Amino acid sequence: MIQMREAEMVDELEHEIRLVNVQLEEKRREVKALEAIKKRLERKLEAV
C-alpha cells in the first residue's frame, strides 16, 4: 500500500517536472525573441 502511494507520488512529480520543463522551454523561446527585438532596435538606434 505504501509503495503504491509512493509510486503515485513519483508519477505526479514526474508529470509536474515535465510541465515545468515545457514552461521553461517556452520562456527560453520568449527570451530569444526579445533578444532579437533588442538587437534590431539597437541597430536602428545606431543608424540614427
PDB file of N, CA and C in Angstrom:
ATOM      1  N   MET A   1       0.836  -1.205   0.000  1.00  0.00           N
ATOM      2  CA  MET A   1       0.000   0.000   0.000  1.00  0.00           C
ATOM      3  C   MET A   1       0.874   1.259   0.000  1.00  0.00           C
ATOM      4  N   ILE A   2       1.848   1.278   0.877  1.00  0.00           N
ATOM      5  CA  ILE A   2       2.722   2.456   0.953  1.00  0.00           C
ATOM      6  C   ILE A   2       3.521   2.597  -0.348  1.00  0.00           C
ATOM      7  N   GLN A   3       4.007   1.460  -0.872  1.00  0.00           N
ATOM      8  CA  GLN A   3       4.763   1.515  -2.127  1.00  0.00           C
ATOM      9  C   GLN A   3       3.890   2.045  -3.258  1.00  0.00           C
ATOM     10  N   MET A   4       2.621   1.674  -3.273  1.00  0.00           N
ATOM     11  CA  MET A   4       1.701   2.139  -4.304  1.00  0.00           C
ATOM     12  C   MET A   4       1.566   3.652  -4.224  1.00  0.00           C
ATOM     13  N   ARG A   5       1.386   4.160  -3.012  1.00  0.00           N
ATOM     14  CA  ARG A   5       1.243   5.607  -2.825  1.00  0.00           C
ATOM     15  C   ARG A   5       2.522   6.326  -3.243  1.00  0.00           C
ATOM     16  N   GLU A   6       3.661   5.780  -2.899  1.00  0.00           N
ATOM     17  CA  GLU A   6       4.928   6.391  -3.296  1.00  0.00           C
ATOM     18  C   GLU A   6       5.065   6.423  -4.816  1.00  0.00           C
ATOM     19  N   ALA A   7       4.649   5.348  -5.464  1.00  0.00           N
ATOM     20  CA  ALA A   7       4.721   5.291  -6.926  1.00  0.00           C
ATOM     21  C   ALA A   7       3.816   6.356  -7.540  1.00  0.00           C
ATOM     22  N   GLU A   8       2.627   6.541  -6.957  1.00  0.00           N
ATOM     23  CA  GLU A   8       1.717   7.582  -7.446  1.00  0.00           C
ATOM     24  C   GLU A   8       2.327   8.963  -7.267  1.00  0.00           C
ATOM     25  N   MET A   9       2.967   9.190  -6.120  1.00  0.00           N
ATOM     26  CA  MET A   9       3.592  10.487  -5.862  1.00  0.00           C
ATOM     27  C   MET A   9       4.727  10.735  -6.847  1.00  0.00           C
ATOM     28  N   VAL A  10       5.508   9.706  -7.121  1.00  0.00           N
ATOM     29  CA  VAL A  10       6.607   9.844  -8.083  1.00  0.00           C
ATOM     30  C   VAL A  10       6.044  10.186  -9.458  1.00  0.00           C
ATOM     31  N   ASP A  11       4.977   9.493  -9.865  1.00  0.00           N
ATOM     32  CA  ASP A  11       4.347   9.774 -11.156  1.00  0.00           C
ATOM     33  C   ASP A  11       3.871  11.220 -11.226  1.00  0.00           C
ATOM     34  N   GLU A  12       3.243  11.691 -10.150  1.00  0.00           N
ATOM     35  CA  GLU A  12       2.760  13.072 -10.121  1.00  0.00           C
ATOM     36  C   GLU A  12       3.915  14.058 -10.220  1.00  0.00           C
ATOM     37  N   LEU A  13       4.981  13.789  -9.493  1.00  0.00           N
ATOM     38  CA  LEU A  13       6.133  14.690  -9.529  1.00  0.00           C
ATOM     39  C   LEU A  13       6.789  14.696 -10.908  1.00  0.00           C
ATOM     40  N   GLU A  14       6.908  13.528 -11.521  1.00  0.00           N
ATOM     41  CA  GLU A  14       7.486  13.474 -12.866  1.00  0.00           C
ATOM     42  C   GLU A  14       6.625  14.245 -13.856  1.00  0.00           C
ATOM     43  N   HIS A  15       5.323  14.150 -13.691  1.00  0.00           N
ATOM     44  CA  HIS A  15       4.412  14.896 -14.565  1.00  0.00           C
ATOM     45  C   HIS A  15       4.605  16.399 -14.363  1.00  0.00           C
ATOM     46  N   GLU A  16       4.686  16.828 -13.111  1.00  0.00           N
ATOM     47  CA  GLU A  16       4.890  18.249 -12.827  1.00  0.00           C
ATOM     48  C   GLU A  16       6.224  18.730 -13.400  1.00  0.00           C
ATOM     49  N   ILE A  17       7.246  17.914 -13.300  1.00  0.00           N
ATOM     50  CA  ILE A  17       8.557  18.279 -13.840  1.00  0.00           C
ATOM     51  C   ILE A  17       8.472  18.463 -15.348  1.00  0.00           C
ATOM     52  N   ARG A  18       7.753  17.558 -16.032  1.00  0.00           N
ATOM     53  CA  ARG A  18       7.593  17.703 -17.478  1.00  0.00           C
ATOM     54  C   ARG A  18       6.885  19.011 -17.814  1.00  0.00           C
ATOM     55  N   LEU A  19       5.837  19.335 -17.053  1.00  0.00           N
ATOM     56  CA  LEU A  19       5.115  20.587 -17.301  1.00  0.00           C
ATOM     57  C   LEU A  19       6.026  21.795 -17.103  1.00  0.00           C
ATOM     58  N   VAL A  20       6.808  21.776 -16.048  1.00  0.00           N
ATOM     59  CA  VAL A  20       7.713  22.888 -15.773  1.00  0.00           C
ATOM     60  C   VAL A  20       8.770  22.995 -16.869  1.00  0.00           C
ATOM     61  N   ASN A  21       9.255  21.847 -17.354  1.00  0.00           N
ATOM     62  CA  ASN A  21      10.241  21.880 -18.435  1.00  0.00           C
ATOM     63  C   ASN A  21       9.657  22.484 -19.704  1.00  0.00           C
ATOM     64  N   VAL A  22       8.397  22.196 -19.989  1.00  0.00           N
ATOM     65  CA  VAL A  22       7.735  22.793 -21.151  1.00  0.00           C
ATOM     66  C   VAL A  22       7.638  24.305 -20.972  1.00  0.00           C
ATOM     67  N   GLN A  23       7.245  24.731 -19.768  1.00  0.00           N
ATOM     68  CA  GLN A  23       7.140  26.169 -19.499  1.00  0.00           C
ATOM     69  C   GLN A  23       8.505  26.832 -19.618  1.00  0.00           C
ATOM     70  N   LEU A  24       9.527  26.160 -19.138  1.00  0.00           N
ATOM     71  CA  LEU A  24      10.887  26.700 -19.214  1.00  0.00           C
ATOM     72  C   LEU A  24      11.316  26.878 -20.667  1.00  0.00           C
ATOM     73  N   GLU A  25      11.023  25.890 -21.487  1.00  0.00           N
ATOM     74  CA  GLU A  25      11.382  25.980 -22.907  1.00  0.00           C
ATOM     75  C   GLU A  25      10.633  27.135 -23.576  1.00  0.00           C
ATOM     76  N   GLU A  26       9.365  27.330 -23.218  1.00  0.00           N
ATOM     77  CA  GLU A  26       8.602  28.455 -23.766  1.00  0.00           C
ATOM     78  C   GLU A  26       9.239  29.781 -23.365  1.00  0.00           C
ATOM     79  N   LYS A  27       9.658  29.887 -22.119  1.00  0.00           N
ATOM     80  CA  LYS A  27      10.299  31.120 -21.655  1.00  0.00           C
ATOM     81  C   LYS A  27      11.616  31.354 -22.376  1.00  0.00           C
ATOM     82  N   ARG A  28      12.370  30.276 -22.622  1.00  0.00           N
ATOM     83  CA  ARG A  28      13.632  30.430 -23.361  1.00  0.00           C
ATOM     84  C   ARG A  28      13.371  30.979 -24.755  1.00  0.00           C
ATOM     85  N   ARG A  29      12.308  30.490 -25.405  1.00  0.00           N
ATOM     86  CA  ARG A  29      11.969  31.000 -26.742  1.00  0.00           C
ATOM     87  C   ARG A  29      11.577  32.471 -26.654  1.00  0.00           C
ATOM     88  N   GLU A  30      10.822  32.828 -25.618  1.00  0.00           N
ATOM     89  CA  GLU A  30      10.440  34.240 -25.456  1.00  0.00           C
ATOM     90  C   GLU A  30      11.672  35.115 -25.280  1.00  0.00           C
ATOM     91  N   VAL A  31      12.616  34.655 -24.480  1.00  0.00           N
ATOM     92  CA  VAL A  31      13.838  35.422 -24.251  1.00  0.00           C
ATOM     93  C   VAL A  31      14.609  35.604 -25.561  1.00  0.00           C
ATOM     94  N   LYS A  32      14.717  34.528 -26.348  1.00  0.00           N
ATOM     95  CA  LYS A  32      15.415  34.639 -27.639  1.00  0.00           C
ATOM     96  C   LYS A  32      14.725  35.651 -28.537  1.00  0.00           C
ATOM     97  N   ALA A  33      13.399  35.618 -28.568  1.00  0.00           N
ATOM     98  CA  ALA A  33      12.653  36.565 -29.406  1.00  0.00           C
ATOM     99  C   ALA A  33      12.884  37.989 -28.927  1.00  0.00           C
ATOM    100  N   LEU A  34      12.859  38.196 -27.616  1.00  0.00           N
ATOM    101  CA  LEU A  34      13.079  39.543 -27.079  1.00  0.00           C
ATOM    102  C   LEU A  34      14.511  40.019 -27.346  1.00  0.00           C
ATOM    103  N   GLU A  35      15.478  39.106 -27.258  1.00  0.00           N
ATOM    104  CA  GLU A  35      16.858  39.488 -27.562  1.00  0.00           C
ATOM    105  C   GLU A  35      16.997  39.893 -29.027  1.00  0.00           C
ATOM    106  N   ALA A  36      16.293  39.204 -29.918  1.00  0.00           N
ATOM    107  CA  ALA A  36      16.338  39.560 -31.339  1.00  0.00           C
ATOM    108  C   ALA A  36      15.731  40.942 -31.558  1.00  0.00           C
ATOM    109  N   ILE A  37      14.632  41.227 -30.890  1.00  0.00           N
ATOM    110  CA  ILE A  37      13.997  42.548 -30.993  1.00  0.00           C
ATOM    111  C   ILE A  37      14.957  43.617 -30.468  1.00  0.00           C
ATOM    112  N   LYS A  38      15.593  43.323 -29.348  1.00  0.00           N
ATOM    113  CA  LYS A  38      16.542  44.272 -28.759  1.00  0.00           C
ATOM    114  C   LYS A  38      17.674  44.583 -29.740  1.00  0.00           C
ATOM    115  N   LYS A  39      18.210  43.549 -30.389  1.00  0.00           N
ATOM    116  CA  LYS A  39      19.292  43.771 -31.366  1.00  0.00           C
ATOM    117  C   LYS A  39      18.823  44.646 -32.512  1.00  0.00           C
ATOM    118  N   ARG A  40      17.607  44.366 -33.023  1.00  0.00           N
ATOM    119  CA  ARG A  40      17.086  45.187 -34.126  1.00  0.00           C
ATOM    120  C   ARG A  40      16.936  46.643 -33.701  1.00  0.00           C
ATOM    121  N   LEU A  41      16.421  46.859 -32.499  1.00  0.00           N
ATOM    122  CA  LEU A  41      16.237  48.228 -32.011  1.00  0.00           C
ATOM    123  C   LEU A  41      17.585  48.919 -31.811  1.00  0.00           C
ATOM    124  N   GLU A  42      18.578  48.175 -31.322  1.00  0.00           N
ATOM    125  CA  GLU A  42      19.905  48.767 -31.138  1.00  0.00           C
ATOM    126  C   GLU A  42      20.503  49.178 -32.478  1.00  0.00           C
ATOM    127  N   ARG A  43      20.306  48.336 -33.503  1.00  0.00           N
ATOM    128  CA  ARG A  43      20.821  48.682 -34.836  1.00  0.00           C
ATOM    129  C   ARG A  43      20.127  49.922 -35.383  1.00  0.00           C
ATOM    130  N   LYS A  44      18.812  50.019 -35.147  1.00  0.00           N
ATOM    131  CA  LYS A  44      18.079  51.207 -35.607  1.00  0.00           C
ATOM    132  C   LYS A  44      18.598  52.455 -34.907  1.00  0.00           C
ATOM    133  N   LEU A  45      18.874  52.335 -33.608  1.00  0.00           N
ATOM    134  CA  LEU A  45      19.400  53.479 -32.868  1.00  0.00           C
ATOM    135  C   LEU A  45      20.767  53.900 -33.410  1.00  0.00           C
ATOM    136  N   GLU A  46      21.609  52.926 -33.732  1.00  0.00           N
ATOM    137  CA  GLU A  46      22.935  53.242 -34.267  1.00  0.00           C
ATOM    138  C   GLU A  46      22.829  53.940 -35.620  1.00  0.00           C
ATOM    139  N   ALA A  47      21.810  53.604 -36.379  1.00  0.00           N
ATOM    140  CA  ALA A  47      21.637  54.179 -37.713  1.00  0.00           C
ATOM    141  C   ALA A  47      21.142  55.628 -37.648  1.00  0.00           C
ATOM    142  N   VAL A  48      20.573  55.998 -36.511  1.00  0.00           N
ATOM    143  CA  VAL A  48      20.012  57.358 -36.390  1.00  0.00           C
ATOM    144  C   VAL A  48      21.112  58.364 -36.117  1.00  0.00           C
TER     145      VAL A  48
END
